[in-house]
Amino acid sequence: MSAGLAVQLDNVGFGYGEAQFHFDALLPAGEITAIMGPSGSGKSTFLNLVAGFEEPHGGTVRIGGADMAGVPPWQRPVSMIFQENNLFAHLPVEKNVALGRAPNLKLGEADRSAVAQALQATGLGGKEKRLPHELSGGERQRVAIARALVRERPVLILDEPFASLGPALRAEMVEEVRALHRRRGMTILFVTHHPEDAERLADQVVLLDDGRTIATGPAQDFFGAAAPEPFRRYLGKPLPSPG
């Protein structure tokens, strides 16, 4: 069990050129949080600040209460899965997964066992020797998830992981992530443009717009009758005018 850690962005500022960002959010340990908002609102920047690919110009990023200032991505308790999967085309499935455990691919017995378990857990058993181009889009996404699993980090970040998938496969992968969360209990952050994914999967929602955090809270509130007005506008469902 990879017990999750809380993630906090406290008065975090970041900018490049004319783009300026300011984030405040507390993402509870062991819960799934959907990061939502229109294109250009700062969703990927938000994730990159947590993962360490960007350093804030002000404020503090904490994971499990620890200040992440100056901590490089590979030393943070975080695994990140990108939309494009980042698989190595010349390596078979099992080696692509093993890279998450040992970047030099020198595996001990425990490492090989962890890789085998991750492949079984993601439905890739029997496909260990296949190359990425021999897999479907959903299977390549599962390889990326398996690689994240063997890292055994308490925070998992998914940057639009289902964006390139059709509706049926996207629904299947949502269930994969939900099952993974039940088994491991890690903290999961995921970006999505699909409200139905967030409604099915998320415990919490963070809504961004124009580089700022504008609403946070339990997903059931966002998708219920008392949804915040900025979220209603984002969905194209504003509150009716009085009278």
C-alpha atoms as a PDB file:
ATOM      1  CA  MET A   1       0.000   0.000   0.000  1.00  0.00           C
ATOM      2  CA  SER A   2       1.388   3.383  -1.038  1.00  0.00           C
ATOM      3  CA  ALA A   3      -0.179   5.587   1.630  1.00  0.00           C
ATOM      4  CA  GLY A   4      -0.874   8.994   0.153  1.00  0.00           C
ATOM      5  CA  LEU A   5       0.533  12.329   1.274  1.00  0.00           C
ATOM      6  CA  ALA A   6      -1.225  15.688   1.391  1.00  0.00           C
ATOM      7  CA  VAL A   7      -0.157  18.214  -1.237  1.00  0.00           C
ATOM      8  CA  GLN A   8      -0.312  21.928  -0.442  1.00  0.00           C
ATOM      9  CA  LEU A   9       0.355  24.976  -2.594  1.00  0.00           C
ATOM     10  CA  ASP A  10       0.561  27.930  -0.228  1.00  0.00           C
ATOM     11  CA  ASN A  11       0.542  31.356  -1.898  1.00  0.00           C
ATOM     12  CA  VAL A  12       2.548  29.901  -4.800  1.00  0.00           C
ATOM     13  CA  GLY A  13       3.493  32.352  -7.526  1.00  0.00           C
ATOM     14  CA  PHE A  14       5.052  31.585 -10.893  1.00  0.00           C
ATOM     15  CA  GLY A  15       5.413  33.385 -14.187  1.00  0.00           C
ATOM     16  CA  TYR A  16       7.059  33.448 -17.571  1.00  0.00           C
ATOM     17  CA  GLY A  17       6.728  36.346 -19.967  1.00  0.00           C
ATOM     18  CA  GLU A  18       3.306  37.884 -19.553  1.00  0.00           C
ATOM     19  CA  ALA A  19       1.802  34.690 -18.108  1.00  0.00           C
ATOM     20  CA  GLN A  20       1.427  34.934 -14.341  1.00  0.00           C
ATOM     21  CA  PHE A  21       0.092  32.247 -12.006  1.00  0.00           C
ATOM     22  CA  HIS A  22      -1.002  32.199  -8.378  1.00  0.00           C
ATOM     23  CA  PHE A  23      -2.174  29.025  -6.677  1.00  0.00           C
ATOM     24  CA  ASP A  24      -3.539  28.198  -3.216  1.00  0.00           C
ATOM     25  CA  ALA A  25      -4.823  24.673  -2.653  1.00  0.00           C
ATOM     26  CA  LEU A  26      -4.749  21.866  -0.103  1.00  0.00           C
ATOM     27  CA  LEU A  27      -5.178  18.419  -1.669  1.00  0.00           C
ATOM     28  CA  PRO A  28      -6.024  15.832   0.996  1.00  0.00           C
ATOM     29  CA  ALA A  29      -3.854  12.765   1.539  1.00  0.00           C
ATOM     30  CA  GLY A  30      -5.122   9.594  -0.084  1.00  0.00           C
ATOM     31  CA  GLU A  31      -7.815  11.306  -2.158  1.00  0.00           C
ATOM     32  CA  ILE A  32      -8.287  11.821  -5.895  1.00  0.00           C
ATOM     33  CA  THR A  33      -8.354  15.456  -6.987  1.00  0.00           C
ATOM     34  CA  ALA A  34      -9.432  16.639 -10.445  1.00  0.00           C
ATOM     35  CA  ILE A  35      -7.678  19.782 -11.701  1.00  0.00           C
ATOM     36  CA  MET A  36     -10.061  21.523 -14.098  1.00  0.00           C
ATOM     37  CA  GLY A  37     -10.380  24.774 -16.003  1.00  0.00           C
ATOM     38  CA  PRO A  38     -10.344  26.235 -19.504  1.00  0.00           C
ATOM     39  CA  SER A  39      -7.355  25.941 -21.827  1.00  0.00           C
ATOM     40  CA  GLY A  40      -4.541  28.225 -20.692  1.00  0.00           C
ATOM     41  CA  SER A  41      -5.811  28.419 -17.119  1.00  0.00           C
ATOM     42  CA  GLY A  42      -2.617  26.911 -15.689  1.00  0.00           C
ATOM     43  CA  LYS A  43      -3.465  23.248 -15.147  1.00  0.00           C
ATOM     44  CA  SER A  44      -0.179  21.825 -16.450  1.00  0.00           C
ATOM     45  CA  THR A  45       1.774  24.548 -14.644  1.00  0.00           C
ATOM     46  CA  PHE A  46       0.003  23.564 -11.419  1.00  0.00           C
ATOM     47  CA  LEU A  47       1.079  19.937 -11.886  1.00  0.00           C
ATOM     48  CA  ASN A  48       4.631  20.885 -12.883  1.00  0.00           C
ATOM     49  CA  LEU A  49       5.043  22.936  -9.701  1.00  0.00           C
ATOM     50  CA  VAL A  50       4.017  19.928  -7.602  1.00  0.00           C
ATOM     51  CA  ALA A  51       6.240  17.532  -9.565  1.00  0.00           C
ATOM     52  CA  GLY A  52       9.231  19.884  -9.481  1.00  0.00           C
ATOM     53  CA  PHE A  53       9.561  20.569 -13.204  1.00  0.00           C
ATOM     54  CA  GLU A  54       8.949  24.225 -12.344  1.00  0.00           C
ATOM     55  CA  GLU A  55      10.101  26.097  -9.222  1.00  0.00           C
ATOM     56  CA  PRO A  56       7.794  28.750  -7.722  1.00  0.00           C
ATOM     57  CA  HIS A  57       8.906  32.353  -7.684  1.00  0.00           C
ATOM     58  CA  GLY A  58       7.163  32.754  -4.350  1.00  0.00           C
ATOM     59  CA  GLY A  59       5.221  30.759  -1.798  1.00  0.00           C
ATOM     60  CA  THR A  60       5.665  27.142  -0.796  1.00  0.00           C
ATOM     61  CA  VAL A  61       4.893  23.714  -2.241  1.00  0.00           C
ATOM     62  CA  ARG A  62       4.615  21.077   0.489  1.00  0.00           C
ATOM     63  CA  ILE A  63       4.164  17.338   0.107  1.00  0.00           C
ATOM     64  CA  GLY A  64       3.416  15.438   3.297  1.00  0.00           C
ATOM     65  CA  GLY A  65       4.196  18.672   5.155  1.00  0.00           C
ATOM     66  CA  ALA A  66       7.753  18.841   3.779  1.00  0.00           C
ATOM     67  CA  ASP A  67       8.854  21.957   1.893  1.00  0.00           C
ATOM     68  CA  MET A  68       9.833  20.943  -1.642  1.00  0.00           C
ATOM     69  CA  ALA A  69      11.972  24.041  -2.323  1.00  0.00           C
ATOM     70  CA  GLY A  70      15.086  22.934  -4.184  1.00  0.00           C
ATOM     71  CA  VAL A  71      14.041  19.261  -4.263  1.00  0.00           C
ATOM     72  CA  PRO A  72      14.467  17.966  -7.844  1.00  0.00           C
ATOM     73  CA  PRO A  73      11.675  15.952  -9.496  1.00  0.00           C
ATOM     74  CA  TRP A  74      13.402  12.582  -9.123  1.00  0.00           C
ATOM     75  CA  GLN A  75      13.737  13.062  -5.359  1.00  0.00           C
ATOM     76  CA  ARG A  76      10.129  14.051  -4.759  1.00  0.00           C
ATOM     77  CA  PRO A  77       7.592  11.443  -3.552  1.00  0.00           C
ATOM     78  CA  VAL A  78       5.786  11.820  -6.881  1.00  0.00           C
ATOM     79  CA  SER A  79       5.243   9.846 -10.086  1.00  0.00           C
ATOM     80  CA  MET A  80       3.888  11.651 -13.150  1.00  0.00           C
ATOM     81  CA  ILE A  81       2.185  10.182 -16.206  1.00  0.00           C
ATOM     82  CA  PHE A  82       2.072  12.433 -19.242  1.00  0.00           C
ATOM     83  CA  GLN A  83      -0.564  12.438 -21.973  1.00  0.00           C
ATOM     84  CA  GLU A  84       1.938  11.092 -24.524  1.00  0.00           C
ATOM     85  CA  ASN A  85       3.068   8.263 -22.181  1.00  0.00           C
ATOM     86  CA  ASN A  86       6.823   8.851 -22.788  1.00  0.00           C
ATOM     87  CA  LEU A  87       7.534   5.234 -23.671  1.00  0.00           C
ATOM     88  CA  PHE A  88      10.806   4.168 -25.306  1.00  0.00           C
ATOM     89  CA  ALA A  89       9.928   2.786 -28.734  1.00  0.00           C
ATOM     90  CA  HIS A  90      12.893   0.371 -28.865  1.00  0.00           C
ATOM     91  CA  LEU A  91      12.198  -1.253 -25.479  1.00  0.00           C
ATOM     92  CA  PRO A  92       9.603  -3.983 -24.832  1.00  0.00           C
ATOM     93  CA  VAL A  93       6.821  -3.482 -22.330  1.00  0.00           C
ATOM     94  CA  GLU A  94       8.597  -5.097 -19.383  1.00  0.00           C
ATOM     95  CA  LYS A  95      11.696  -2.916 -19.806  1.00  0.00           C
ATOM     96  CA  ASN A  96       9.663   0.247 -20.226  1.00  0.00           C
ATOM     97  CA  VAL A  97       8.017  -0.606 -16.906  1.00  0.00           C
ATOM     98  CA  ALA A  98      11.305  -1.609 -15.261  1.00  0.00           C
ATOM     99  CA  LEU A  99      12.745   1.861 -15.967  1.00  0.00           C
ATOM    100  CA  GLY A 100      10.498   3.133 -13.201  1.00  0.00           C
ATOM    101  CA  ARG A 101      12.242   0.816 -10.781  1.00  0.00           C
ATOM    102  CA  ALA A 102      15.838   1.023 -12.016  1.00  0.00           C
ATOM    103  CA  PRO A 103      16.818   3.551 -14.729  1.00  0.00           C
ATOM    104  CA  ASN A 104      19.898   1.417 -15.525  1.00  0.00           C
ATOM    105  CA  LEU A 105      17.654  -1.675 -15.885  1.00  0.00           C
ATOM    106  CA  LYS A 106      19.790  -3.604 -13.384  1.00  0.00           C
ATOM    107  CA  LEU A 107      17.055  -5.417 -11.520  1.00  0.00           C
ATOM    108  CA  GLY A 108      17.187  -7.498  -8.385  1.00  0.00           C
ATOM    109  CA  GLU A 109      14.686 -10.207  -7.523  1.00  0.00           C
ATOM    110  CA  ALA A 110      12.423  -7.758  -5.669  1.00  0.00           C
ATOM    111  CA  ASP A 111      12.513  -5.414  -8.669  1.00  0.00           C
ATOM    112  CA  ARG A 112      11.537  -8.156 -11.114  1.00  0.00           C
ATOM    113  CA  SER A 113       8.711  -9.229  -8.819  1.00  0.00           C
ATOM    114  CA  ALA A 114       7.425  -5.639  -8.588  1.00  0.00           C
ATOM    115  CA  VAL A 115       7.484  -5.308 -12.384  1.00  0.00           C
ATOM    116  CA  ALA A 116       5.600  -8.586 -12.840  1.00  0.00           C
ATOM    117  CA  GLN A 117       2.978  -7.555 -10.280  1.00  0.00           C
ATOM    118  CA  ALA A 118       2.487  -4.160 -11.929  1.00  0.00           C
ATOM    119  CA  LEU A 119       2.027  -5.773 -15.338  1.00  0.00           C
ATOM    120  CA  GLN A 120      -0.595  -8.147 -13.944  1.00  0.00           C
ATOM    121  CA  ALA A 121      -2.341  -5.328 -12.080  1.00  0.00           C
ATOM    122  CA  THR A 122      -2.708  -3.299 -15.279  1.00  0.00           C
ATOM    123  CA  GLY A 123      -3.843  -6.189 -17.460  1.00  0.00           C
ATOM    124  CA  LEU A 124      -0.581  -6.465 -19.391  1.00  0.00           C
ATOM    125  CA  GLY A 125       0.323 -10.008 -18.421  1.00  0.00           C
ATOM    126  CA  GLY A 126       1.430 -11.926 -21.516  1.00  0.00           C
ATOM    127  CA  LYS A 127       2.450  -8.751 -23.361  1.00  0.00           C
ATOM    128  CA  GLU A 128       5.805  -8.275 -21.655  1.00  0.00           C
ATOM    129  CA  LYS A 129       7.842  -8.686 -24.863  1.00  0.00           C
ATOM    130  CA  ARG A 130       5.777  -6.454 -27.120  1.00  0.00           C
ATOM    131  CA  LEU A 131       7.103  -3.126 -28.346  1.00  0.00           C
ATOM    132  CA  PRO A 132       5.027   0.047 -27.881  1.00  0.00           C
ATOM    133  CA  HIS A 133       4.027   0.197 -31.562  1.00  0.00           C
ATOM    134  CA  GLU A 134       2.468  -3.266 -31.204  1.00  0.00           C
ATOM    135  CA  LEU A 135       0.098  -2.014 -28.499  1.00  0.00           C
ATOM    136  CA  SER A 136      -3.178  -0.116 -28.617  1.00  0.00           C
ATOM    137  CA  GLY A 137      -3.394   3.410 -27.235  1.00  0.00           C
ATOM    138  CA  GLY A 138      -5.020   2.126 -24.067  1.00  0.00           C
ATOM    139  CA  GLU A 139      -2.356  -0.527 -23.600  1.00  0.00           C
ATOM    140  CA  ARG A 140       0.405   2.076 -23.951  1.00  0.00           C
ATOM    141  CA  GLN A 141      -1.342   4.134 -21.281  1.00  0.00           C
ATOM    142  CA  ARG A 142      -1.377   1.056 -19.045  1.00  0.00           C
ATOM    143  CA  VAL A 143       2.373   0.619 -19.530  1.00  0.00           C
ATOM    144  CA  ALA A 144       2.868   4.172 -18.287  1.00  0.00           C
ATOM    145  CA  ILE A 145       0.653   3.464 -15.277  1.00  0.00           C
ATOM    146  CA  ALA A 146       2.559   0.230 -14.542  1.00  0.00           C
ATOM    147  CA  ARG A 147       5.851   2.141 -14.659  1.00  0.00           C
ATOM    148  CA  ALA A 148       4.438   4.622 -12.151  1.00  0.00           C
ATOM    149  CA  LEU A 149       3.269   1.745  -9.939  1.00  0.00           C
ATOM    150  CA  VAL A 150       6.721   0.206  -9.583  1.00  0.00           C
ATOM    151  CA  ARG A 151       8.085   3.555  -8.396  1.00  0.00           C
ATOM    152  CA  GLU A 152       5.829   3.175  -5.345  1.00  0.00           C
ATOM    153  CA  ARG A 153       5.544   6.902  -4.746  1.00  0.00           C
ATOM    154  CA  PRO A 154       2.705   8.178  -2.543  1.00  0.00           C
ATOM    155  CA  VAL A 155       1.585  10.875  -5.020  1.00  0.00           C
ATOM    156  CA  LEU A 156       0.542  10.075  -8.598  1.00  0.00           C
ATOM    157  CA  ILE A 157       0.055  12.881 -11.132  1.00  0.00           C
ATOM    158  CA  LEU A 158      -1.824  12.329 -14.397  1.00  0.00           C
ATOM    159  CA  ASP A 159      -1.682  15.112 -17.011  1.00  0.00           C
ATOM    160  CA  GLU A 160      -4.735  14.584 -19.246  1.00  0.00           C
ATOM    161  CA  PRO A 161      -4.144  10.814 -19.267  1.00  0.00           C
ATOM    162  CA  PHE A 162      -7.344   9.986 -21.155  1.00  0.00           C
ATOM    163  CA  ALA A 163      -7.364  12.849 -23.689  1.00  0.00           C
ATOM    164  CA  SER A 164      -6.380  10.768 -26.717  1.00  0.00           C
ATOM    165  CA  LEU A 165      -8.741   7.881 -25.928  1.00  0.00           C
ATOM    166  CA  GLY A 166     -12.220   7.264 -27.281  1.00  0.00           C
ATOM    167  CA  PRO A 167     -15.221   7.321 -24.909  1.00  0.00           C
ATOM    168  CA  ALA A 168     -15.341   3.571 -24.221  1.00  0.00           C
ATOM    169  CA  LEU A 169     -11.614   3.238 -23.595  1.00  0.00           C
ATOM    170  CA  ARG A 170     -11.604   6.424 -21.523  1.00  0.00           C
ATOM    171  CA  ALA A 171     -14.305   4.973 -19.286  1.00  0.00           C
ATOM    172  CA  GLU A 172     -12.251   1.787 -18.964  1.00  0.00           C
ATOM    173  CA  MET A 173      -9.136   3.728 -17.939  1.00  0.00           C
ATOM    174  CA  VAL A 174     -11.116   5.734 -15.388  1.00  0.00           C
ATOM    175  CA  GLU A 175     -12.052   2.406 -13.810  1.00  0.00           C
ATOM    176  CA  GLU A 176      -8.379   1.312 -13.954  1.00  0.00           C
ATOM    177  CA  VAL A 177      -7.340   4.396 -12.002  1.00  0.00           C
ATOM    178  CA  ARG A 178     -10.148   3.918  -9.504  1.00  0.00           C
ATOM    179  CA  ALA A 179      -9.083   0.283  -8.942  1.00  0.00           C
ATOM    180  CA  LEU A 180      -5.450   1.361  -8.603  1.00  0.00           C
ATOM    181  CA  HIS A 181      -6.455   3.887  -5.968  1.00  0.00           C
ATOM    182  CA  ARG A 182      -8.402   1.272  -4.020  1.00  0.00           C
ATOM    183  CA  ARG A 183      -5.352  -1.022  -3.979  1.00  0.00           C
ATOM    184  CA  ARG A 184      -2.679   1.546  -3.215  1.00  0.00           C
ATOM    185  CA  GLY A 185      -4.383   4.445  -1.447  1.00  0.00           C
ATOM    186  CA  MET A 186      -2.056   7.052  -2.924  1.00  0.00           C
ATOM    187  CA  THR A 187      -2.902  10.701  -3.477  1.00  0.00           C
ATOM    188  CA  ILE A 188      -3.884  11.196  -7.141  1.00  0.00           C
ATOM    189  CA  LEU A 189      -3.996  14.501  -9.032  1.00  0.00           C
ATOM    190  CA  PHE A 190      -5.358  14.456 -12.564  1.00  0.00           C
ATOM    191  CA  VAL A 191      -6.124  17.050 -15.206  1.00  0.00           C
ATOM    192  CA  THR A 192      -9.211  16.518 -17.324  1.00  0.00           C
ATOM    193  CA  HIS A 193     -11.400  18.500 -19.712  1.00  0.00           C
ATOM    194  CA  HIS A 194     -14.189  15.941 -19.322  1.00  0.00           C
ATOM    195  CA  PRO A 195     -16.566  16.698 -16.409  1.00  0.00           C
ATOM    196  CA  GLU A 196     -17.907  13.132 -16.538  1.00  0.00           C
ATOM    197  CA  ASP A 197     -14.418  11.777 -15.722  1.00  0.00           C
ATOM    198  CA  ALA A 198     -14.149  14.067 -12.726  1.00  0.00           C
ATOM    199  CA  GLU A 199     -17.653  13.212 -11.555  1.00  0.00           C
ATOM    200  CA  ARG A 200     -16.927   9.465 -11.724  1.00  0.00           C
ATOM    201  CA  LEU A 201     -13.424   9.539 -10.291  1.00  0.00           C
ATOM    202  CA  ALA A 202     -12.669  12.573  -8.136  1.00  0.00           C
ATOM    203  CA  ASP A 203     -13.108  13.119  -4.409  1.00  0.00           C
ATOM    204  CA  GLN A 204     -12.048  16.760  -4.732  1.00  0.00           C
ATOM    205  CA  VAL A 205     -12.047  19.386  -7.498  1.00  0.00           C
ATOM    206  CA  VAL A 206      -9.686  22.325  -7.985  1.00  0.00           C
ATOM    207  CA  LEU A 207     -10.951  24.843 -10.555  1.00  0.00           C
ATOM    208  CA  LEU A 208      -8.439  27.154 -12.204  1.00  0.00           C
ATOM    209  CA  ASP A 209      -9.000  30.169 -14.421  1.00  0.00           C
ATOM    210  CA  ASP A 210      -6.627  32.821 -15.739  1.00  0.00           C
ATOM    211  CA  GLY A 211      -3.730  31.307 -13.805  1.00  0.00           C
ATOM    212  CA  ARG A 212      -5.443  31.341 -10.425  1.00  0.00           C
ATOM    213  CA  THR A 213      -7.269  28.965  -8.092  1.00  0.00           C
ATOM    214  CA  ILE A 214     -10.868  30.162  -8.113  1.00  0.00           C
ATOM    215  CA  ALA A 215     -12.729  27.295  -6.397  1.00  0.00           C
ATOM    216  CA  THR A 216     -11.876  24.115  -4.472  1.00  0.00           C
ATOM    217  CA  GLY A 217     -13.941  21.588  -2.596  1.00  0.00           C
ATOM    218  CA  PRO A 218     -15.548  18.137  -2.539  1.00  0.00           C
ATOM    219  CA  ALA A 219     -16.516  16.829  -5.973  1.00  0.00           C
ATOM    220  CA  GLN A 220     -20.047  16.084  -4.766  1.00  0.00           C
ATOM    221  CA  ASP A 221     -20.529  19.819  -4.156  1.00  0.00           C
ATOM    222  CA  PHE A 222     -19.256  20.755  -7.623  1.00  0.00           C
ATOM    223  CA  PHE A 223     -21.608  18.320  -9.321  1.00  0.00           C
ATOM    224  CA  GLY A 224     -24.572  18.960  -7.045  1.00  0.00           C
ATOM    225  CA  ALA A 225     -27.209  21.657  -6.799  1.00  0.00           C
ATOM    226  CA  ALA A 226     -24.862  23.952  -4.862  1.00  0.00           C
ATOM    227  CA  ALA A 227     -22.108  23.956  -7.513  1.00  0.00           C
ATOM    228  CA  PRO A 228     -19.925  27.095  -7.374  1.00  0.00           C
ATOM    229  CA  GLU A 229     -20.990  29.687  -9.944  1.00  0.00           C
ATOM    230  CA  PRO A 230     -17.519  29.753 -11.646  1.00  0.00           C
ATOM    231  CA  PHE A 231     -17.802  26.002 -12.186  1.00  0.00           C
ATOM    232  CA  ARG A 232     -21.299  26.374 -13.622  1.00  0.00           C
ATOM    233  CA  ARG A 233     -19.963  28.959 -16.063  1.00  0.00           C
ATOM    234  CA  TYR A 234     -17.093  26.646 -16.996  1.00  0.00           C
ATOM    235  CA  LEU A 235     -19.602  23.891 -17.797  1.00  0.00           C
ATOM    236  CA  GLY A 236     -21.829  26.358 -19.671  1.00  0.00           C
ATOM    237  CA  LYS A 237     -24.584  26.014 -17.074  1.00  0.00           C
ATOM    238  CA  PRO A 238     -24.857  29.397 -15.305  1.00  0.00           C
ATOM    239  CA  LEU A 239     -27.420  29.930 -12.590  1.00  0.00           C
ATOM    240  CA  PRO A 240     -30.714  31.274 -13.900  1.00  0.00           C
ATOM    241  CA  SER A 241     -31.255  35.013 -13.504  1.00  0.00           C
ATOM    242  CA  PRO A 242     -33.465  35.956 -10.538  1.00  0.00           C
ATOM    243  CA  GLY A 243     -37.057  36.704 -11.425  1.00  0.00           C
END
